[in-house]
């Protein structure tokens, strides 16, 4: 989790620095790319698995509705995170909830690498 948070922070700081400096680096979004949730900071998309059973939620917090339970070892591909680096939004890659998108607490995710 520490590595995930450090990489995410570095990417967020770099992205913010480029936009503040007006680096002029822009990319066109893919035609099929869905917009990220409001206030969500893009991540490096490092594949991960759940370390124990955890809720997939409609929003970044325990107060949000559960979309289902991800069992231990479920693959999860994040696309962004909250500014406090705790909640990750992405797509479930395995198990009964495969294909669903939602939020998972990063404390229950372990990077699996490429």
PDB file of N, CA and C in Angstrom:
ATOM      1  N   UNK A   1       0.822  -1.193   0.000  1.00  0.00           N
ATOM      2  CA  UNK A   1       0.000   0.000   0.000  1.00  0.00           C
ATOM      3  C   UNK A   1       0.860   1.248   0.000  1.00  0.00           C
ATOM      4  N   UNK A   2       1.979   1.215   0.732  1.00  0.00           N
ATOM      5  CA  UNK A   2       2.862   2.381   0.775  1.00  0.00           C
ATOM      6  C   UNK A   2       3.349   2.738  -0.619  1.00  0.00           C
ATOM      7  N   UNK A   3       3.781   1.725  -1.401  1.00  0.00           N
ATOM      8  CA  UNK A   3       4.274   1.985  -2.752  1.00  0.00           C
ATOM      9  C   UNK A   3       3.167   2.595  -3.600  1.00  0.00           C
ATOM     10  N   UNK A   4       1.951   2.043  -3.507  1.00  0.00           N
ATOM     11  CA  UNK A   4       0.815   2.565  -4.268  1.00  0.00           C
ATOM     12  C   UNK A   4       0.577   4.027  -3.919  1.00  0.00           C
ATOM     13  N   UNK A   5       0.601   4.367  -2.639  1.00  0.00           N
ATOM     14  CA  UNK A   5       0.370   5.746  -2.221  1.00  0.00           C
ATOM     15  C   UNK A   5       1.493   6.662  -2.711  1.00  0.00           C
ATOM     16  N   UNK A   6       2.753   6.206  -2.631  1.00  0.00           N
ATOM     17  CA  UNK A   6       3.870   7.030  -3.076  1.00  0.00           C
ATOM     18  C   UNK A   6       3.827   7.273  -4.575  1.00  0.00           C
ATOM     19  N   UNK A   7       3.537   6.237  -5.352  1.00  0.00           N
ATOM     20  CA  UNK A   7       3.444   6.388  -6.802  1.00  0.00           C
ATOM     21  C   UNK A   7       2.288   7.322  -7.145  1.00  0.00           C
ATOM     22  N   UNK A   8       1.161   7.124  -6.480  1.00  0.00           N
ATOM     23  CA  UNK A   8      -0.014   7.959  -6.739  1.00  0.00           C
ATOM     24  C   UNK A   8       0.266   9.416  -6.405  1.00  0.00           C
ATOM     25  N   UNK A   9       0.923   9.664  -5.282  1.00  0.00           N
ATOM     26  CA  UNK A   9       1.252  11.034  -4.898  1.00  0.00           C
ATOM     27  C   UNK A   9       2.184  11.674  -5.925  1.00  0.00           C
ATOM     28  N   UNK A  10       3.184  10.926  -6.373  1.00  0.00           N
ATOM     29  CA  UNK A  10       4.134  11.448  -7.354  1.00  0.00           C
ATOM     30  C   UNK A  10       3.433  11.825  -8.647  1.00  0.00           C
ATOM     31  N   UNK A  11       2.545  10.947  -9.110  1.00  0.00           N
ATOM     32  CA  UNK A  11       1.811  11.234 -10.335  1.00  0.00           C
ATOM     33  C   UNK A  11       0.908  12.443 -10.173  1.00  0.00           C
ATOM     34  N   UNK A  12       0.250  12.534  -9.033  1.00  0.00           N
ATOM     35  CA  UNK A  12      -0.657  13.663  -8.796  1.00  0.00           C
ATOM     36  C   UNK A  12       0.118  14.972  -8.740  1.00  0.00           C
ATOM     37  N   UNK A  13       1.252  14.972  -8.046  1.00  0.00           N
ATOM     38  CA  UNK A  13       2.068  16.181  -7.938  1.00  0.00           C
ATOM     39  C   UNK A  13       2.618  16.565  -9.304  1.00  0.00           C
ATOM     40  N   UNK A  14       3.077  15.582 -10.074  1.00  0.00           N
ATOM     41  CA  UNK A  14       3.595  15.859 -11.409  1.00  0.00           C
ATOM     42  C   UNK A  14       2.507  16.439 -12.294  1.00  0.00           C
ATOM     43  N   UNK A  15       1.326  15.833 -12.264  1.00  0.00           N
ATOM     44  CA  UNK A  15       0.219  16.322 -13.093  1.00  0.00           C
ATOM     45  C   UNK A  15      -0.175  17.738 -12.700  1.00  0.00           C
ATOM     46  N   UNK A  16      -0.246  17.998 -11.397  1.00  0.00           N
ATOM     47  CA  UNK A  16      -0.600  19.330 -10.935  1.00  0.00           C
ATOM     48  C   UNK A  16       0.481  20.334 -11.309  1.00  0.00           C
ATOM     49  N   UNK A  17       1.739  19.923 -11.185  1.00  0.00           N
ATOM     50  CA  UNK A  17       2.845  20.802 -11.530  1.00  0.00           C
ATOM     51  C   UNK A  17       2.832  21.172 -13.000  1.00  0.00           C
ATOM     52  N   UNK A  18       2.541  20.207 -13.858  1.00  0.00           N
ATOM     53  CA  UNK A  18       2.502  20.480 -15.293  1.00  0.00           C
ATOM     54  C   UNK A  18       1.376  21.438 -15.636  1.00  0.00           C
ATOM     55  N   UNK A  19       0.221  21.257 -14.986  1.00  0.00           N
ATOM     56  CA  UNK A  19      -0.889  22.150 -15.300  1.00  0.00           C
ATOM     57  C   UNK A  19      -0.642  23.553 -14.750  1.00  0.00           C
ATOM     58  N   UNK A  20       0.016  23.657 -13.600  1.00  0.00           N
ATOM     59  CA  UNK A  20       0.313  24.961 -13.019  1.00  0.00           C
ATOM     60  C   UNK A  20       1.358  25.691 -13.853  1.00  0.00           C
ATOM     61  N   UNK A  21       2.348  24.951 -14.343  1.00  0.00           N
ATOM     62  CA  UNK A  21       3.399  25.555 -15.139  1.00  0.00           C
ATOM     63  C   UNK A  21       2.964  25.826 -16.573  1.00  0.00           C
ATOM     64  N   UNK A  22       1.800  25.344 -16.923  1.00  0.00           N
ATOM     65  CA  UNK A  22       1.306  25.564 -18.277  1.00  0.00           C
ATOM     66  C   UNK A  22       2.152  24.837 -19.306  1.00  0.00           C
ATOM     67  N   UNK A  23       2.486  23.604 -19.012  1.00  0.00           N
ATOM     68  CA  UNK A  23       3.378  22.851 -19.879  1.00  0.00           C
ATOM     69  C   UNK A  23       2.774  22.569 -21.246  1.00  0.00           C
ATOM     70  N   UNK A  24       1.497  22.741 -21.379  1.00  0.00           N
ATOM     71  CA  UNK A  24       0.873  22.557 -22.674  1.00  0.00           C
ATOM     72  C   UNK A  24       0.785  21.105 -23.104  1.00  0.00           C
ATOM     73  N   UNK A  25       0.897  20.191 -22.188  1.00  0.00           N
ATOM     74  CA  UNK A  25       0.794  18.787 -22.523  1.00  0.00           C
ATOM     75  C   UNK A  25      -0.667  18.388 -22.408  1.00  0.00           C
ATOM     76  N   UNK A  26      -1.240  18.011 -23.527  1.00  0.00           N
ATOM     77  CA  UNK A  26      -2.635  17.588 -23.520  1.00  0.00           C
ATOM     78  C   UNK A  26      -2.775  16.308 -24.313  1.00  0.00           C
ATOM     79  N   UNK A  27      -3.733  15.513 -23.935  1.00  0.00           N
ATOM     80  CA  UNK A  27      -4.042  14.312 -24.697  1.00  0.00           C
ATOM     81  C   UNK A  27      -5.537  14.269 -24.901  1.00  0.00           C
ATOM     82  N   UNK A  28      -5.930  13.766 -26.028  1.00  0.00           N
ATOM     83  CA  UNK A  28      -7.359  13.626 -26.302  1.00  0.00           C
ATOM     84  C   UNK A  28      -7.847  12.358 -25.630  1.00  0.00           C
ATOM     85  N   UNK A  29      -8.985  12.425 -24.947  1.00  0.00           N
ATOM     86  CA  UNK A  29      -9.510  11.216 -24.315  1.00  0.00           C
ATOM     87  C   UNK A  29      -9.948  10.210 -25.369  1.00  0.00           C
ATOM     88  N   UNK A  30      -9.810   8.951 -25.043  1.00  0.00           N
ATOM     89  CA  UNK A  30     -10.270   7.907 -25.953  1.00  0.00           C
ATOM     90  C   UNK A  30     -11.770   8.017 -26.126  1.00  0.00           C
ATOM     91  N   UNK A  31     -12.250   7.652 -27.284  1.00  0.00           N
ATOM     92  CA  UNK A  31     -13.675   7.782 -27.588  1.00  0.00           C
ATOM     93  C   UNK A  31     -14.529   6.980 -26.619  1.00  0.00           C
ATOM     94  N   UNK A  32     -14.012   5.842 -26.161  1.00  0.00           N
ATOM     95  CA  UNK A  32     -14.799   4.990 -25.270  1.00  0.00           C
ATOM     96  C   UNK A  32     -14.540   5.270 -23.790  1.00  0.00           C
ATOM     97  N   UNK A  33     -13.624   6.181 -23.505  1.00  0.00           N
ATOM     98  CA  UNK A  33     -13.271   6.455 -22.111  1.00  0.00           C
ATOM     99  C   UNK A  33     -14.414   7.184 -21.405  1.00  0.00           C
ATOM    100  N   UNK A  34     -14.820   6.608 -20.276  1.00  0.00           N
ATOM    101  CA  UNK A  34     -15.864   7.247 -19.470  1.00  0.00           C
ATOM    102  C   UNK A  34     -15.207   8.297 -18.588  1.00  0.00           C
ATOM    103  N   UNK A  35     -15.914   9.385 -18.297  1.00  0.00           N
ATOM    104  CA  UNK A  35     -15.332  10.406 -17.425  1.00  0.00           C
ATOM    105  C   UNK A  35     -15.119   9.855 -16.012  1.00  0.00           C
ATOM    106  N   UNK A  36     -14.068  10.347 -15.367  1.00  0.00           N
ATOM    107  CA  UNK A  36     -13.784   9.941 -13.993  1.00  0.00           C
ATOM    108  C   UNK A  36     -14.713  10.691 -13.052  1.00  0.00           C
ATOM    109  N   UNK A  37     -14.979  10.117 -11.874  1.00  0.00           N
ATOM    110  CA  UNK A  37     -15.818  10.810 -10.896  1.00  0.00           C
ATOM    111  C   UNK A  37     -15.209  12.160 -10.517  1.00  0.00           C
ATOM    112  N   UNK A  38     -16.060  13.090 -10.165  1.00  0.00           N
ATOM    113  CA  UNK A  38     -15.631  14.438  -9.795  1.00  0.00           C
ATOM    114  C   UNK A  38     -14.640  14.387  -8.625  1.00  0.00           C
ATOM    115  N   UNK A  39     -13.551  15.141  -8.746  1.00  0.00           N
ATOM    116  CA  UNK A  39     -12.552  15.219  -7.686  1.00  0.00           C
ATOM    117  C   UNK A  39     -11.633  14.020  -7.595  1.00  0.00           C
ATOM    118  N   UNK A  40     -11.700  13.133  -8.553  1.00  0.00           N
ATOM    119  CA  UNK A  40     -10.898  11.915  -8.540  1.00  0.00           C
ATOM    120  C   UNK A  40      -9.568  12.175  -9.251  1.00  0.00           C
ATOM    121  N   UNK A  41      -8.450  11.852  -8.598  1.00  0.00           N
ATOM    122  CA  UNK A  41      -7.111  12.071  -9.137  1.00  0.00           C
ATOM    123  C   UNK A  41      -6.682  10.814  -9.895  1.00  0.00           C
ATOM    124  N   UNK A  42      -6.312  10.938 -11.174  1.00  0.00           N
ATOM    125  CA  UNK A  42      -5.888   9.762 -11.946  1.00  0.00           C
ATOM    126  C   UNK A  42      -4.718   9.029 -11.288  1.00  0.00           C
ATOM    127  N   UNK A  43      -4.711   7.705 -11.426  1.00  0.00           N
ATOM    128  CA  UNK A  43      -3.645   6.875 -10.855  1.00  0.00           C
ATOM    129  C   UNK A  43      -2.815   6.263 -11.975  1.00  0.00           C
ATOM    130  N   UNK A  44      -1.832   5.465 -11.584  1.00  0.00           N
ATOM    131  CA  UNK A  44      -0.938   4.815 -12.537  1.00  0.00           C
ATOM    132  C   UNK A  44      -1.489   3.490 -13.050  1.00  0.00           C
ATOM    133  N   UNK A  45      -2.671   3.107 -12.636  1.00  0.00           N
ATOM    134  CA  UNK A  45      -3.354   1.890 -13.104  1.00  0.00           C
ATOM    135  C   UNK A  45      -2.579   0.615 -12.791  1.00  0.00           C
ATOM    136  N   UNK A  46      -1.932   0.555 -11.642  1.00  0.00           N
ATOM    137  CA  UNK A  46      -1.207  -0.651 -11.263  1.00  0.00           C
ATOM    138  C   UNK A  46      -2.230  -1.697 -10.810  1.00  0.00           C
ATOM    139  N   UNK A  47      -2.238  -2.874 -11.450  1.00  0.00           N
ATOM    140  CA  UNK A  47      -3.203  -3.911 -11.068  1.00  0.00           C
ATOM    141  C   UNK A  47      -3.040  -4.298  -9.595  1.00  0.00           C
ATOM    142  N   UNK A  48      -4.140  -4.638  -8.955  1.00  0.00           N
ATOM    143  CA  UNK A  48      -4.090  -5.034  -7.557  1.00  0.00           C
ATOM    144  C   UNK A  48      -5.118  -6.127  -7.284  1.00  0.00           C
ATOM    145  N   UNK A  49      -5.003  -6.695  -6.090  1.00  0.00           N
ATOM    146  CA  UNK A  49      -5.964  -7.698  -5.614  1.00  0.00           C
ATOM    147  C   UNK A  49      -6.383  -7.308  -4.206  1.00  0.00           C
ATOM    148  N   UNK A  50      -7.583  -7.724  -3.828  1.00  0.00           N
ATOM    149  CA  UNK A  50      -8.054  -7.437  -2.482  1.00  0.00           C
ATOM    150  C   UNK A  50      -7.341  -8.368  -1.492  1.00  0.00           C
ATOM    151  N   UNK A  51      -7.025  -7.835  -0.323  1.00  0.00           N
ATOM    152  CA  UNK A  51      -6.317  -8.610   0.699  1.00  0.00           C
ATOM    153  C   UNK A  51      -7.270  -9.343   1.627  1.00  0.00           C
ATOM    154  N   UNK A  52      -8.525  -8.959   1.585  1.00  0.00           N
ATOM    155  CA  UNK A  52      -9.592  -9.641   2.336  1.00  0.00           C
ATOM    156  C   UNK A  52     -10.919  -9.203   1.736  1.00  0.00           C
ATOM    157  N   UNK A  53     -12.017  -9.759   2.211  1.00  0.00           N
ATOM    158  CA  UNK A  53     -13.324  -9.383   1.682  1.00  0.00           C
ATOM    159  C   UNK A  53     -13.586  -7.903   1.970  1.00  0.00           C
ATOM    160  N   UNK A  54     -14.065  -7.184   0.949  1.00  0.00           N
ATOM    161  CA  UNK A  54     -14.268  -5.741   1.076  1.00  0.00           C
ATOM    162  C   UNK A  54     -15.454  -5.325   0.206  1.00  0.00           C
ATOM    163  N   UNK A  55     -16.132  -4.266   0.634  1.00  0.00           N
ATOM    164  CA  UNK A  55     -17.253  -3.740  -0.142  1.00  0.00           C
ATOM    165  C   UNK A  55     -16.776  -2.951  -1.353  1.00  0.00           C
ATOM    166  N   UNK A  56     -17.475  -3.105  -2.459  1.00  0.00           N
ATOM    167  CA  UNK A  56     -17.339  -2.231  -3.615  1.00  0.00           C
ATOM    168  C   UNK A  56     -18.454  -1.217  -3.430  1.00  0.00           C
ATOM    169  N   UNK A  57     -18.139   0.069  -3.371  1.00  0.00           N
ATOM    170  CA  UNK A  57     -19.128   1.082  -3.001  1.00  0.00           C
ATOM    171  C   UNK A  57     -19.420   2.075  -4.124  1.00  0.00           C
ATOM    172  N   UNK A  58     -20.564   2.740  -4.006  1.00  0.00           N
ATOM    173  CA  UNK A  58     -20.990   3.734  -4.995  1.00  0.00           C
ATOM    174  C   UNK A  58     -20.223   5.044  -4.856  1.00  0.00           C
ATOM    175  N   UNK A  59     -19.566   5.254  -3.726  1.00  0.00           N
ATOM    176  CA  UNK A  59     -18.800   6.474  -3.485  1.00  0.00           C
ATOM    177  C   UNK A  59     -17.644   6.202  -2.544  1.00  0.00           C
ATOM    178  N   UNK A  60     -16.763   7.177  -2.362  1.00  0.00           N
ATOM    179  CA  UNK A  60     -15.570   6.994  -1.542  1.00  0.00           C
ATOM    180  C   UNK A  60     -15.798   7.178  -0.046  1.00  0.00           C
ATOM    181  N   UNK A  61     -16.423   6.203   0.583  1.00  0.00           N
ATOM    182  CA  UNK A  61     -16.659   6.260   2.022  1.00  0.00           C
ATOM    183  C   UNK A  61     -17.620   5.168   2.458  1.00  0.00           C
ATOM    184  N   UNK A  62     -17.586   4.868   3.752  1.00  0.00           N
ATOM    185  CA  UNK A  62     -18.458   3.820   4.304  1.00  0.00           C
ATOM    186  C   UNK A  62     -19.928   4.187   4.231  1.00  0.00           C
ATOM    187  N   UNK A  63     -20.222   5.490   4.113  1.00  0.00           N
ATOM    188  CA  UNK A  63     -21.626   5.915   4.086  1.00  0.00           C
ATOM    189  C   UNK A  63     -22.306   5.597   2.748  1.00  0.00           C
ATOM    190  N   UNK A  64     -21.518   5.258   1.724  1.00  0.00           N
ATOM    191  CA  UNK A  64     -22.085   4.974   0.411  1.00  0.00           C
ATOM    192  C   UNK A  64     -22.554   3.525   0.305  1.00  0.00           C
ATOM    193  N   UNK A  65     -23.542   3.308  -0.520  1.00  0.00           N
ATOM    194  CA  UNK A  65     -24.159   1.996  -0.717  1.00  0.00           C
ATOM    195  C   UNK A  65     -23.146   0.994  -1.269  1.00  0.00           C
ATOM    196  N   UNK A  66     -23.245  -0.250  -0.793  1.00  0.00           N
ATOM    197  CA  UNK A  66     -22.411  -1.329  -1.296  1.00  0.00           C
ATOM    198  C   UNK A  66     -23.004  -1.869  -2.594  1.00  0.00           C
ATOM    199  N   UNK A  67     -22.141  -2.063  -3.582  1.00  0.00           N
ATOM    200  CA  UNK A  67     -22.561  -2.652  -4.855  1.00  0.00           C
ATOM    201  C   UNK A  67     -22.330  -4.162  -4.850  1.00  0.00           C
ATOM    202  N   UNK A  68     -21.659  -4.640  -3.813  1.00  0.00           N
ATOM    203  CA  UNK A  68     -21.343  -6.058  -3.693  1.00  0.00           C
ATOM    204  C   UNK A  68     -20.083  -6.239  -2.877  1.00  0.00           C
ATOM    205  N   UNK A  69     -19.830  -7.476  -2.503  1.00  0.00           N
ATOM    206  CA  UNK A  69     -18.637  -7.811  -1.734  1.00  0.00           C
ATOM    207  C   UNK A  69     -17.595  -8.411  -2.679  1.00  0.00           C
ATOM    208  N   UNK A  70     -16.375  -7.904  -2.585  1.00  0.00           N
ATOM    209  CA  UNK A  70     -15.265  -8.473  -3.337  1.00  0.00           C
ATOM    210  C   UNK A  70     -14.532  -9.411  -2.386  1.00  0.00           C
ATOM    211  N   UNK A  71     -14.444 -10.675  -2.731  1.00  0.00           N
ATOM    212  CA  UNK A  71     -13.772 -11.636  -1.858  1.00  0.00           C
ATOM    213  C   UNK A  71     -12.258 -11.456  -1.933  1.00  0.00           C
ATOM    214  N   UNK A  72     -11.558 -12.032  -0.976  1.00  0.00           N
ATOM    215  CA  UNK A  72     -10.102 -11.953  -0.930  1.00  0.00           C
ATOM    216  C   UNK A  72      -9.534 -12.475  -2.248  1.00  0.00           C
ATOM    217  N   UNK A  73      -8.583 -11.718  -2.830  1.00  0.00           N
ATOM    218  CA  UNK A  73      -7.941 -12.129  -4.070  1.00  0.00           C
ATOM    219  C   UNK A  73      -8.627 -11.643  -5.334  1.00  0.00           C
ATOM    220  N   UNK A  74      -9.690 -10.860  -5.189  1.00  0.00           N
ATOM    221  CA  UNK A  74     -10.388 -10.322  -6.363  1.00  0.00           C
ATOM    222  C   UNK A  74      -9.509  -9.285  -7.040  1.00  0.00           C
ATOM    223  N   UNK A  75      -9.373  -9.381  -8.363  1.00  0.00           N
ATOM    224  CA  UNK A  75      -8.585  -8.390  -9.106  1.00  0.00           C
ATOM    225  C   UNK A  75      -9.364  -7.084  -9.206  1.00  0.00           C
ATOM    226  N   UNK A  76      -8.633  -5.971  -9.077  1.00  0.00           N
ATOM    227  CA  UNK A  76      -9.234  -4.638  -9.145  1.00  0.00           C
ATOM    228  C   UNK A  76      -8.275  -3.722  -9.894  1.00  0.00           C
ATOM    229  N   UNK A  77      -8.771  -3.052 -10.909  1.00  0.00           N
ATOM    230  CA  UNK A  77      -7.954  -2.144 -11.723  1.00  0.00           C
ATOM    231  C   UNK A  77      -8.419  -0.715 -11.472  1.00  0.00           C
ATOM    232  N   UNK A  78      -7.636   0.029 -10.682  1.00  0.00           N
ATOM    233  CA  UNK A  78      -8.050   1.395 -10.346  1.00  0.00           C
ATOM    234  C   UNK A  78      -7.716   2.360 -11.477  1.00  0.00           C
ATOM    235  N   UNK A  79      -8.506   3.431 -11.539  1.00  0.00           N
ATOM    236  CA  UNK A  79      -8.251   4.479 -12.538  1.00  0.00           C
ATOM    237  C   UNK A  79      -8.058   5.840 -11.878  1.00  0.00           C
ATOM    238  N   UNK A  80      -8.507   5.986 -10.623  1.00  0.00           N
ATOM    239  CA  UNK A  80      -8.290   7.236  -9.906  1.00  0.00           C
ATOM    240  C   UNK A  80      -8.476   7.011  -8.407  1.00  0.00           C
ATOM    241  N   UNK A  81      -8.151   8.061  -7.638  1.00  0.00           N
ATOM    242  CA  UNK A  81      -8.213   7.964  -6.175  1.00  0.00           C
ATOM    243  C   UNK A  81      -8.643   9.294  -5.575  1.00  0.00           C
ATOM    244  N   UNK A  82      -9.007   9.254  -4.319  1.00  0.00           N
ATOM    245  CA  UNK A  82      -9.344  10.487  -3.601  1.00  0.00           C
ATOM    246  C   UNK A  82      -8.060  11.234  -3.261  1.00  0.00           C
ATOM    247  N   UNK A  83      -8.198  12.519  -2.989  1.00  0.00           N
ATOM    248  CA  UNK A  83      -7.006  13.339  -2.711  1.00  0.00           C
ATOM    249  C   UNK A  83      -6.268  12.927  -1.443  1.00  0.00           C
ATOM    250  N   UNK A  84      -6.922  12.183  -0.549  1.00  0.00           N
ATOM    251  CA  UNK A  84      -6.244  11.698   0.657  1.00  0.00           C
ATOM    252  C   UNK A  84      -5.601  10.326   0.439  1.00  0.00           C
ATOM    253  N   UNK A  85      -5.656   9.822  -0.795  1.00  0.00           N
ATOM    254  CA  UNK A  85      -5.028   8.567  -1.199  1.00  0.00           C
ATOM    255  C   UNK A  85      -5.590   7.348  -0.474  1.00  0.00           C
ATOM    256  N   UNK A  86      -6.845   7.396  -0.041  1.00  0.00           N
ATOM    257  CA  UNK A  86      -7.436   6.283   0.706  1.00  0.00           C
ATOM    258  C   UNK A  86      -8.401   5.465  -0.156  1.00  0.00           C
ATOM    259  N   UNK A  87      -9.253   6.113  -0.919  1.00  0.00           N
ATOM    260  CA  UNK A  87     -10.264   5.406  -1.697  1.00  0.00           C
ATOM    261  C   UNK A  87      -9.886   5.386  -3.175  1.00  0.00           C
ATOM    262  N   UNK A  88     -10.054   4.215  -3.799  1.00  0.00           N
ATOM    263  CA  UNK A  88      -9.699   4.029  -5.196  1.00  0.00           C
ATOM    264  C   UNK A  88     -10.930   3.647  -6.008  1.00  0.00           C
ATOM    265  N   UNK A  89     -11.099   4.304  -7.161  1.00  0.00           N
ATOM    266  CA  UNK A  89     -12.203   4.024  -8.069  1.00  0.00           C
ATOM    267  C   UNK A  89     -11.664   3.192  -9.221  1.00  0.00           C
ATOM    268  N   UNK A  90     -12.381   2.169  -9.589  1.00  0.00           N
ATOM    269  CA  UNK A  90     -11.929   1.353 -10.708  1.00  0.00           C
ATOM    270  C   UNK A  90     -12.922   0.274 -11.072  1.00  0.00           C
ATOM    271  N   UNK A  91     -12.412  -0.694 -11.799  1.00  0.00           N
ATOM    272  CA  UNK A  91     -13.232  -1.775 -12.348  1.00  0.00           C
ATOM    273  C   UNK A  91     -12.783  -3.114 -11.773  1.00  0.00           C
ATOM    274  N   UNK A  92     -13.747  -3.913 -11.388  1.00  0.00           N
ATOM    275  CA  UNK A  92     -13.473  -5.242 -10.853  1.00  0.00           C
ATOM    276  C   UNK A  92     -13.058  -6.146 -12.009  1.00  0.00           C
ATOM    277  N   UNK A  93     -11.949  -6.880 -11.819  1.00  0.00           N
ATOM    278  CA  UNK A  93     -11.409  -7.699 -12.897  1.00  0.00           C
ATOM    279  C   UNK A  93     -11.650  -9.188 -12.784  1.00  0.00           C
ATOM    280  N   UNK A  94     -12.236  -9.638 -11.670  1.00  0.00           N
ATOM    281  CA  UNK A  94     -12.498 -11.067 -11.515  1.00  0.00           C
ATOM    282  C   UNK A  94     -13.636 -11.283 -10.515  1.00  0.00           C
ATOM    283  N   UNK A  95     -14.128 -12.515 -10.464  1.00  0.00           N
ATOM    284  CA  UNK A  95     -15.172 -12.867  -9.502  1.00  0.00           C
ATOM    285  C   UNK A  95     -16.570 -12.511  -9.966  1.00  0.00           C
ATOM    286  N   UNK A  96     -17.556 -12.702  -9.088  1.00  0.00           N
ATOM    287  CA  UNK A  96     -18.955 -12.479  -9.444  1.00  0.00           C
ATOM    288  C   UNK A  96     -19.295 -11.030  -9.793  1.00  0.00           C
ATOM    289  N   UNK A  97     -18.484 -10.093  -9.333  1.00  0.00           N
ATOM    290  CA  UNK A  97     -18.734  -8.667  -9.628  1.00  0.00           C
ATOM    291  C   UNK A  97     -17.890  -8.151 -10.793  1.00  0.00           C
ATOM    292  N   UNK A  98     -17.278  -9.065 -11.546  1.00  0.00           N
ATOM    293  CA  UNK A  98     -16.412  -8.701 -12.667  1.00  0.00           C
ATOM    294  C   UNK A  98     -17.119  -7.723 -13.603  1.00  0.00           C
ATOM    295  N   UNK A  99     -16.409  -6.642 -13.940  1.00  0.00           N
ATOM    296  CA  UNK A  99     -16.952  -5.637 -14.851  1.00  0.00           C
ATOM    297  C   UNK A  99     -17.617  -4.462 -14.154  1.00  0.00           C
ATOM    298  N   UNK A 100     -17.987  -4.638 -12.887  1.00  0.00           N
ATOM    299  CA  UNK A 100     -18.604  -3.533 -12.147  1.00  0.00           C
ATOM    300  C   UNK A 100     -17.561  -2.480 -11.822  1.00  0.00           C
ATOM    301  N   UNK A 101     -17.985  -1.227 -11.792  1.00  0.00           N
ATOM    302  CA  UNK A 101     -17.103  -0.131 -11.399  1.00  0.00           C
ATOM    303  C   UNK A 101     -17.571   0.425 -10.066  1.00  0.00           C
ATOM    304  N   UNK A 102     -16.625   0.833  -9.243  1.00  0.00           N
ATOM    305  CA  UNK A 102     -16.970   1.387  -7.949  1.00  0.00           C
ATOM    306  C   UNK A 102     -15.726   1.739  -7.160  1.00  0.00           C
ATOM    307  N   UNK A 103     -15.943   2.022  -5.886  1.00  0.00           N
ATOM    308  CA  UNK A 103     -14.896   2.488  -4.972  1.00  0.00           C
ATOM    309  C   UNK A 103     -14.508   1.407  -3.978  1.00  0.00           C
ATOM    310  N   UNK A 104     -13.195   1.281  -3.732  1.00  0.00           N
ATOM    311  CA  UNK A 104     -12.662   0.328  -2.754  1.00  0.00           C
ATOM    312  C   UNK A 104     -11.675   1.073  -1.859  1.00  0.00           C
ATOM    313  N   UNK A 105     -11.705   0.768  -0.567  1.00  0.00           N
ATOM    314  CA  UNK A 105     -10.743   1.351   0.359  1.00  0.00           C
ATOM    315  C   UNK A 105      -9.364   0.757   0.062  1.00  0.00           C
ATOM    316  N   UNK A 106      -8.379   1.620  -0.173  1.00  0.00           N
ATOM    317  CA  UNK A 106      -7.039   1.187  -0.540  1.00  0.00           C
ATOM    318  C   UNK A 106      -6.319   0.358   0.497  1.00  0.00           C
ATOM    319  N   UNK A 107      -6.776   0.401   1.748  1.00  0.00           N
ATOM    320  CA  UNK A 107      -6.157  -0.413   2.794  1.00  0.00           C
ATOM    321  C   UNK A 107      -6.368  -1.902   2.525  1.00  0.00           C
ATOM    322  N   UNK A 108      -7.329  -2.234   1.664  1.00  0.00           N
ATOM    323  CA  UNK A 108      -7.638  -3.628   1.345  1.00  0.00           C
ATOM    324  C   UNK A 108      -7.154  -4.037  -0.034  1.00  0.00           C
ATOM    325  N   UNK A 109      -6.260  -3.236  -0.623  1.00  0.00           N
ATOM    326  CA  UNK A 109      -5.708  -3.535  -1.944  1.00  0.00           C
ATOM    327  C   UNK A 109      -4.201  -3.763  -1.849  1.00  0.00           C
ATOM    328  N   UNK A 110      -3.725  -4.744  -2.583  1.00  0.00           N
ATOM    329  CA  UNK A 110      -2.289  -5.022  -2.662  1.00  0.00           C
ATOM    330  C   UNK A 110      -1.921  -5.057  -4.136  1.00  0.00           C
ATOM    331  N   UNK A 111      -0.883  -4.296  -4.493  1.00  0.00           N
ATOM    332  CA  UNK A 111      -0.430  -4.268  -5.879  1.00  0.00           C
ATOM    333  C   UNK A 111       0.068  -5.631  -6.308  1.00  0.00           C
ATOM    334  N   UNK A 112      -0.288  -6.023  -7.545  1.00  0.00           N
ATOM    335  CA  UNK A 112       0.182  -7.282  -8.086  1.00  0.00           C
ATOM    336  C   UNK A 112       1.211  -7.057  -9.183  1.00  0.00           C
ATOM    337  N   UNK A 113       1.406  -5.805  -9.575  1.00  0.00           N
ATOM    338  CA  UNK A 113       2.386  -5.487 -10.621  1.00  0.00           C
ATOM    339  C   UNK A 113       1.802  -5.678 -12.002  1.00  0.00           C
ATOM    340  N   UNK A 114       2.647  -5.599 -12.970  1.00  0.00           N
ATOM    341  CA  UNK A 114       2.217  -5.693 -14.369  1.00  0.00           C
ATOM    342  C   UNK A 114       2.225  -7.109 -14.749  1.00  0.00           C
TER     343      UNK A 114
END
